[in-house]
Protein backbone atom coordinates (compact mmCIF):
# COMPACT_ATOMS: atom_id res chain seq x y z
CA MET A 1 0.00 0.00 0.00
CA MET A 2 1.31 3.43 -0.91
CA TYR A 3 0.88 6.66 1.03
CA THR A 4 1.14 10.33 0.16
CA ARG A 5 3.90 12.40 1.78
CA ARG A 6 1.41 14.00 4.16
CA GLU A 7 0.10 10.59 5.29
CA PHE A 8 3.53 9.05 5.53
CA GLY A 9 4.85 11.74 7.86
CA ILE A 10 2.29 10.73 10.48
CA LEU A 11 1.86 7.00 9.88
CA THR A 12 5.52 6.06 9.91
CA LEU A 13 5.93 7.77 13.26
CA ALA A 14 2.96 5.89 14.63
CA GLY A 15 4.51 2.59 13.61
CA LEU A 16 1.73 1.99 11.10
CA VAL A 17 4.11 2.06 8.15
CA ARG A 18 7.10 -0.24 8.33
CA PRO A 19 10.17 0.09 6.13
CA THR A 20 10.45 -2.49 3.38
CA THR A 21 13.75 -4.08 2.45
CA SER A 22 14.33 -3.32 -0.37
CA ALA A 23 26.15 8.71 -8.77
CA LYS A 24 30.59 12.50 -10.52
CA ALA A 25 32.01 15.84 -12.68
CA THR A 26 30.64 19.40 -12.28
CA VAL A 27 27.07 20.28 -11.49
CA VAL A 28 25.83 23.72 -12.39
CA ARG A 29 22.92 24.59 -10.12
CA ARG A 30 20.39 27.05 -11.45
CA SER A 31 18.74 28.63 -8.45
CA PHE A 32 16.11 31.28 -8.06
CA SER A 33 17.79 34.32 -6.53
CA GLU A 34 16.18 37.48 -5.26
CA GLY A 35 12.81 36.09 -6.25
CA GLY A 36 13.59 36.54 -9.92
CA SER A 37 14.76 34.34 -12.76
CA PRO A 38 17.15 31.42 -12.26
CA ASP A 39 20.86 32.13 -12.45
CA THR A 40 23.57 29.74 -13.60
CA THR A 41 26.06 30.01 -10.77
CA THR A 42 28.25 26.96 -10.25
CA MET A 43 27.41 25.85 -6.72
CA ALA A 44 29.19 22.55 -6.11
CA ALA A 45 31.35 19.86 -7.63
CA ALA A 46 29.12 16.89 -8.29
CA ALA A 47 28.04 14.63 -11.12
CA ASP A 48 26.26 15.99 -14.17
CA ALA A 49 22.53 15.56 -13.64
CA THR A 50 21.61 16.71 -17.15
CA VAL A 51 19.89 14.38 -19.62
CA ASN A 52 19.90 15.96 -23.08
CA GLY A 53 19.61 19.44 -21.64
CA VAL A 54 17.11 18.66 -18.87
CA ARG A 55 18.22 18.51 -15.26
CA VAL A 56 16.87 15.30 -13.76
CA GLY A 57 16.77 14.34 -10.10
CA VAL A 58 14.64 12.71 -7.44
CA GLN A 59 12.31 13.71 -4.63
CA THR A 60 13.83 11.59 -1.87
CA TYR A 61 10.36 10.80 -0.55
CA SER A 62 10.65 8.14 -3.26
CA PHE A 63 12.93 6.25 -0.83
CA ARG A 64 10.65 6.60 2.22
CA ASP A 65 10.38 2.83 2.72
CA LEU A 66 14.11 2.19 3.01
CA PRO A 67 15.14 1.18 6.54
CA ARG A 68 17.15 3.62 8.58
CA PRO A 69 19.40 3.07 11.61
CA PRO A 70 17.40 2.92 14.88
CA GLY A 71 17.08 6.43 16.24
CA GLY A 72 18.99 7.87 13.31
CA ASP A 73 18.12 9.86 10.22
CA GLY A 74 17.58 8.54 6.71
CA ILE A 75 20.43 10.29 4.91
CA ASP A 76 22.81 7.37 4.42
CA PRO A 77 20.08 5.12 2.93
CA VAL A 78 19.05 7.96 0.60
CA ILE A 79 22.61 8.51 -0.64
CA LYS A 80 23.12 4.78 -1.18
CA ALA A 81 19.84 4.56 -3.08
CA MET A 82 20.65 7.56 -5.28
CA THR A 83 24.05 6.03 -6.03
CA ALA A 84 22.43 2.72 -6.99
CA CYS A 85 19.98 4.51 -9.29
CA GLY A 86 22.61 6.74 -10.86
CA LEU A 87 20.99 9.97 -9.63
CA THR A 88 23.02 12.90 -8.37
CA GLU A 89 20.56 15.69 -7.62
CA CYS A 90 17.63 15.76 -5.22
CA GLU A 91 14.88 17.51 -3.38
CA LEU A 92 15.46 16.32 0.18
CA PHE A 93 12.33 15.21 2.08
CA SER A 94 12.75 16.81 5.52
CA PRO A 95 11.70 13.82 7.69
CA GLN A 96 14.72 11.96 6.29
CA ALA A 97 17.00 14.60 7.84
CA GLU A 98 15.27 14.26 11.20
CA PRO A 99 15.28 11.39 13.71
CA GLN A 100 12.13 9.34 14.01
CA PHE A 101 9.61 10.53 16.57
CA ASN A 102 6.45 9.08 18.05
CA ALA A 103 2.98 9.26 16.56
CA GLY A 104 1.65 12.69 15.71
CA ALA A 105 4.97 14.48 15.98
CA ARG A 106 4.55 16.25 12.67
CA GLY A 107 0.95 17.28 13.14
CA ALA A 108 -1.81 17.14 10.58
CA ARG A 109 -1.85 19.70 7.81
CA GLY A 110 -4.45 22.32 8.59
CA SER A 111 -5.03 21.30 12.22
CA ARG A 112 -3.45 21.13 15.62
CA PRO A 113 -2.32 17.70 16.83
CA PRO A 114 -4.64 16.00 19.37
CA ALA A 115 -3.75 16.14 23.05
CA GLU A 116 -2.37 12.59 23.20
CA THR A 117 0.24 13.39 20.59
CA GLN A 118 1.20 16.81 21.92
CA GLN A 119 4.35 15.61 23.68
CA ALA A 120 5.67 13.96 20.53
CA ARG A 121 4.95 17.17 18.65
CA GLU A 122 6.79 19.23 21.24
CA ASP A 123 9.77 16.86 21.10
CA LEU A 124 10.06 17.37 17.35
CA ARG A 125 9.62 21.11 17.71
CA LYS A 126 12.40 21.22 20.29
CA TRP A 127 14.66 19.14 18.05
CA ARG A 128 14.09 21.44 15.09
CA VAL A 129 14.68 24.66 16.97
CA GLU A 130 17.58 23.52 19.15
CA THR A 131 19.58 21.11 16.97
CA PRO A 132 22.79 22.88 15.91
CA LEU A 133 22.94 23.76 12.24
CA ASP A 134 26.16 21.75 12.11
CA HIS A 135 23.88 18.70 11.90
CA PHE A 136 22.65 19.91 8.52
CA GLY A 137 26.11 21.03 7.49
CA ALA A 138 27.29 17.46 8.12
CA ILE A 139 24.49 16.18 5.88
CA LYS A 140 25.65 18.55 3.14
CA LYS A 141 29.18 17.17 3.47
CA LYS A 142 27.85 13.64 2.99
CA PHE A 143 26.08 14.62 -0.23
CA ASP A 144 29.14 16.56 -1.39
CA ALA A 145 31.39 13.57 -0.74
CA ALA A 146 29.05 11.40 -2.82
CA GLY A 147 29.15 13.91 -5.69
CA MET A 148 25.53 14.89 -5.13
CA THR A 149 23.57 18.13 -4.87
CA VAL A 150 20.63 19.03 -2.63
CA TYR A 151 18.82 21.54 -4.83
CA ALA A 152 15.75 21.92 -2.62
CA TYR A 153 14.77 21.20 0.97
CA ASN A 154 11.20 19.91 1.15
CA TYR A 155 10.10 21.49 4.46
CA SER A 156 6.34 21.78 4.83
CA PRO A 157 4.96 24.01 7.59
CA ASN A 158 1.42 23.32 8.73
CA ALA A 159 -0.84 24.97 11.29
CA SER A 160 0.99 23.29 14.17
CA PHE A 161 4.29 25.05 13.36
CA THR A 162 5.49 27.90 15.52
CA ASP A 163 7.12 30.91 13.92
CA ALA A 164 10.45 29.66 15.29
CA GLU A 165 10.02 26.37 13.42
CA ILE A 166 9.19 28.14 10.18
CA ASP A 167 12.20 30.43 10.56
CA ARG A 168 14.47 27.50 11.38
CA GLY A 169 13.49 25.74 8.17
CA PHE A 170 15.21 28.45 6.15
CA GLU A 171 18.35 28.12 8.25
CA MET A 172 18.31 24.35 7.76
CA ALA A 173 17.95 24.76 4.00
CA LYS A 174 20.90 27.14 3.85
CA ALA A 175 23.05 24.81 5.96
CA LEU A 176 22.22 21.98 3.55
CA GLY A 177 23.34 24.14 0.64
CA ALA A 178 19.84 24.06 -0.85
CA GLY A 179 18.93 26.80 -3.28
CA ILE A 180 15.22 26.79 -2.44
CA ILE A 181 12.58 25.35 -0.12
CA THR A 182 9.64 23.37 -1.45
CA ALA A 183 6.55 23.19 0.73
CA SER A 184 3.39 21.11 0.84
CA THR A 185 1.33 23.62 2.76
CA THR A 186 -1.84 25.71 2.55
CA LEU A 187 -2.69 29.25 1.57
CA ASP A 188 -3.38 30.16 5.21
CA VAL A 189 0.02 28.93 6.33
CA ALA A 190 1.71 30.53 3.31
CA LYS A 191 0.71 33.90 4.76
CA ARG A 192 2.79 33.03 7.84
CA ILE A 193 5.72 31.80 5.73
CA GLN A 194 5.84 35.00 3.65
CA PRO A 195 7.71 37.26 6.13
CA PHE A 196 10.36 34.59 6.68
CA ALA A 197 10.89 34.14 2.95
CA GLU A 198 11.39 37.91 2.76
CA LYS A 199 13.72 37.87 5.77
CA HIS A 200 15.93 35.13 4.34
CA ARG A 201 15.48 36.25 0.72
CA MET A 202 14.90 32.64 -0.22
CA VAL A 203 12.41 31.15 -2.66
CA VAL A 204 9.66 28.86 -1.39
CA ALA A 205 8.06 26.80 -4.15
CA MET A 206 4.54 25.69 -3.33
CA HIS A 207 3.80 22.04 -4.04
CA GLY A 208 0.33 21.24 -5.29
CA HIS A 209 -1.92 18.26 -4.71
CA SER A 210 -5.29 17.52 -6.32
CA LYS A 211 -7.77 18.72 -3.68
CA VAL A 212 -9.40 21.13 -6.10
CA ASP A 213 -12.52 21.55 -3.94
CA ASP A 214 -10.61 23.01 -0.98
CA PRO A 215 -9.83 26.71 -1.55
CA ASN A 216 -7.10 26.56 1.10
CA GLU A 217 -5.14 23.90 -0.78
CA PHE A 218 -2.55 24.40 -3.49
CA ALA A 219 -4.21 22.50 -6.33
CA THR A 220 -5.42 24.93 -8.98
CA PRO A 221 -3.77 27.58 -11.15
CA ASP A 222 -5.65 30.21 -9.13
CA SER A 223 -4.22 28.92 -5.85
CA PHE A 224 -0.67 29.16 -7.19
CA ALA A 225 -1.41 32.66 -8.49
CA ALA A 226 -2.68 33.68 -5.06
CA ALA A 227 0.58 32.57 -3.47
CA MET A 228 2.74 34.39 -5.99
CA LYS A 229 0.81 37.59 -5.28
CA MET A 230 1.92 37.33 -1.64
CA SER A 231 5.65 37.48 -2.35
CA LYS A 232 8.19 37.59 -5.15
CA TYR A 233 9.87 34.72 -3.30
CA PHE A 234 6.88 32.40 -3.76
CA LYS A 235 7.12 30.13 -6.81
CA VAL A 236 5.63 26.83 -7.99
CA ASN A 237 6.78 23.25 -7.51
CA LEU A 238 4.39 21.67 -10.00
CA ASP A 239 3.43 18.04 -9.52
CA ILE A 240 2.26 17.12 -13.00
CA GLY A 241 0.57 13.94 -11.77
CA HIS A 242 -1.60 15.68 -9.18
CA PHE A 243 -2.25 18.53 -11.63
CA THR A 244 -3.52 16.04 -14.20
CA ALA A 245 -5.65 14.23 -11.61
CA GLY A 246 -7.30 17.59 -10.90
CA ASN A 247 -8.15 17.81 -14.62
CA PHE A 248 -5.72 20.62 -15.46
CA ASP A 249 -3.42 20.80 -18.48
CA ALA A 250 0.20 20.55 -17.36
CA ILE A 251 1.61 21.40 -20.79
CA SER A 252 -0.38 24.63 -21.07
CA TYR A 253 0.41 25.66 -17.51
CA ILE A 254 4.14 25.10 -17.96
CA ARG A 255 4.14 27.04 -21.23
CA GLU A 256 2.41 30.00 -19.60
CA HIS A 257 4.17 29.99 -16.23
CA HIS A 258 7.59 28.46 -16.89
CA ALA A 259 9.39 31.49 -15.43
CA ASP A 260 7.76 30.84 -12.05
CA ILE A 261 8.28 27.05 -11.88
CA THR A 262 11.35 25.85 -10.00
CA ASN A 263 11.00 22.11 -10.46
CA LEU A 264 8.49 19.45 -11.43
CA HIS A 265 7.47 16.28 -9.68
CA LEU A 266 7.09 13.50 -12.21
CA LYS A 267 4.46 10.86 -11.53
CA ASP A 268 1.63 9.32 -13.52
CA ARG A 269 -1.98 9.67 -12.39
CA LYS A 270 -5.28 9.30 -14.15
CA LYS A 271 -7.68 12.19 -14.62
CA ASN A 272 -10.73 12.76 -12.41
CA GLN A 273 -8.78 12.17 -9.18
CA GLY A 274 -7.51 8.87 -10.53
CA ASP A 275 -4.94 6.60 -8.97
CA ASN A 276 -1.17 6.72 -9.21
CA THR A 277 -0.11 4.30 -11.92
CA ARG A 278 3.08 2.88 -13.32
CA TRP A 279 4.54 5.40 -15.71
CA GLY A 280 2.91 5.26 -19.11
CA GLU A 281 -0.35 3.77 -17.83
CA GLY A 282 -2.01 6.98 -16.60
CA ASP A 283 -3.11 10.23 -18.21
CA THR A 284 -0.18 12.43 -17.19
CA PRO A 285 1.85 13.70 -20.18
CA ILE A 286 5.24 12.87 -18.68
CA ARG A 287 6.94 12.27 -22.03
CA GLU A 288 5.45 15.40 -23.60
CA VAL A 289 6.44 17.56 -20.63
CA LEU A 290 10.02 16.31 -20.75
CA GLN A 291 10.21 16.91 -24.49
CA LEU A 292 8.89 20.44 -23.94
CA LEU A 293 11.63 21.14 -21.40
CA LYS A 294 14.21 19.72 -23.79
CA LYS A 295 12.95 21.86 -26.68
CA GLU A 296 12.58 25.13 -24.80
CA ARG A 297 15.65 24.76 -22.56
CA TRP A 298 13.84 26.29 -19.63
CA PRO A 299 15.80 25.86 -16.36
CA ILE A 300 13.08 23.74 -14.75
CA ARG A 301 14.26 20.63 -12.99
CA ALA A 302 12.38 17.36 -13.49
CA TYR A 303 12.35 15.22 -10.36
CA ILE A 304 11.13 11.66 -10.13
CA GLU A 305 8.66 11.03 -7.32
CA TYR A 306 7.94 7.32 -6.98
CA GLU A 307 4.49 6.96 -5.46
CA TYR A 308 2.74 4.10 -7.26
CA GLY A 309 2.74 0.58 -5.82
CA GLY A 310 5.35 -1.12 -7.96
CA PRO A 311 6.41 -4.76 -7.58
CA GLY A 312 10.08 -3.96 -7.03
CA THR A 313 12.09 -2.25 -4.34
CA PRO A 314 12.12 1.57 -4.26
CA ILE A 315 15.54 1.50 -5.92
CA GLU A 316 14.30 -0.79 -8.69
CA GLU A 317 11.17 1.28 -9.30
CA VAL A 318 12.99 4.63 -9.29
CA THR A 319 15.49 3.15 -11.76
CA LYS A 320 12.58 2.19 -14.03
CA CYS A 321 11.30 5.77 -13.81
CA LEU A 322 14.74 7.13 -14.67
CA ASP A 323 14.93 4.82 -17.68
CA TYR A 324 11.54 6.18 -18.79
CA VAL A 325 12.89 9.74 -18.49
CA LYS A 326 16.00 8.90 -20.52
CA LYS A 327 13.95 7.30 -23.29
CA ALA A 328 11.59 10.29 -23.36
CA LEU A 329 14.54 12.65 -23.74
CA ALA A 330 16.50 10.56 -26.25
């Protein structure tokens, strides 16, 4: 059974999701600076993540089921998995940089955690605010040593976050060497994030889902537009699978808004809120989107997000997705 990132963050901490058992030259990172267009500053020595002109990477949530050391974070398993897949650039899923906590530690998006989970939530809050930034600097060194780049830190404030936690997320991202933050959040919480994005002068790219009937969710073109009106530092992390499931046209949206899109999440879903499928079996125009990026040379990264229930290990399934990308860009 597969879970979304929002579900996984709670269920794995509750012990309801168990882990299943189961890259090397110069990377040029294009980052959004000063809330404007991407630049082409060379940020780190790592392997070339470009496939025929398109920068390809992975949302490390794809490796959520890999076991981690008891009480430790998930960084080493992620790096090993990326190496096995031949991937060298990522959007780092924040729970993998944090130790495991008890049920409810992360809180539900849009609500406060119930009383019985409050202590776990406070433990995580304390860890986030008080853990020295050297912890994240050490993670950066691990990725650097492996010839890998953390382009984005996927840190997703919800209503349970204090201002101190939101602020700390920007400091974590900088310590990791990330160029941007991506966030699965809501319009209400985005209003709270805005002053911190301005303070740190750092882009936050809003990640969309497919809850098109909830005006507080990032799911529609109008919801993304509302965020970008709040701040020049707010951009779009477009999930083309969720966008398709919500019955929107990913190709048209990318053509019109490419200057405001930092990176894509690649997955295949069917229209009308359909299921995640193996790539090529749904309605999402993955191949066409990749060919568009190749043709136009827009500096939009294309990141694999493995979320369907494949028969193989996460490494095997992500490798299949990468092969699909390479064939689409050949």
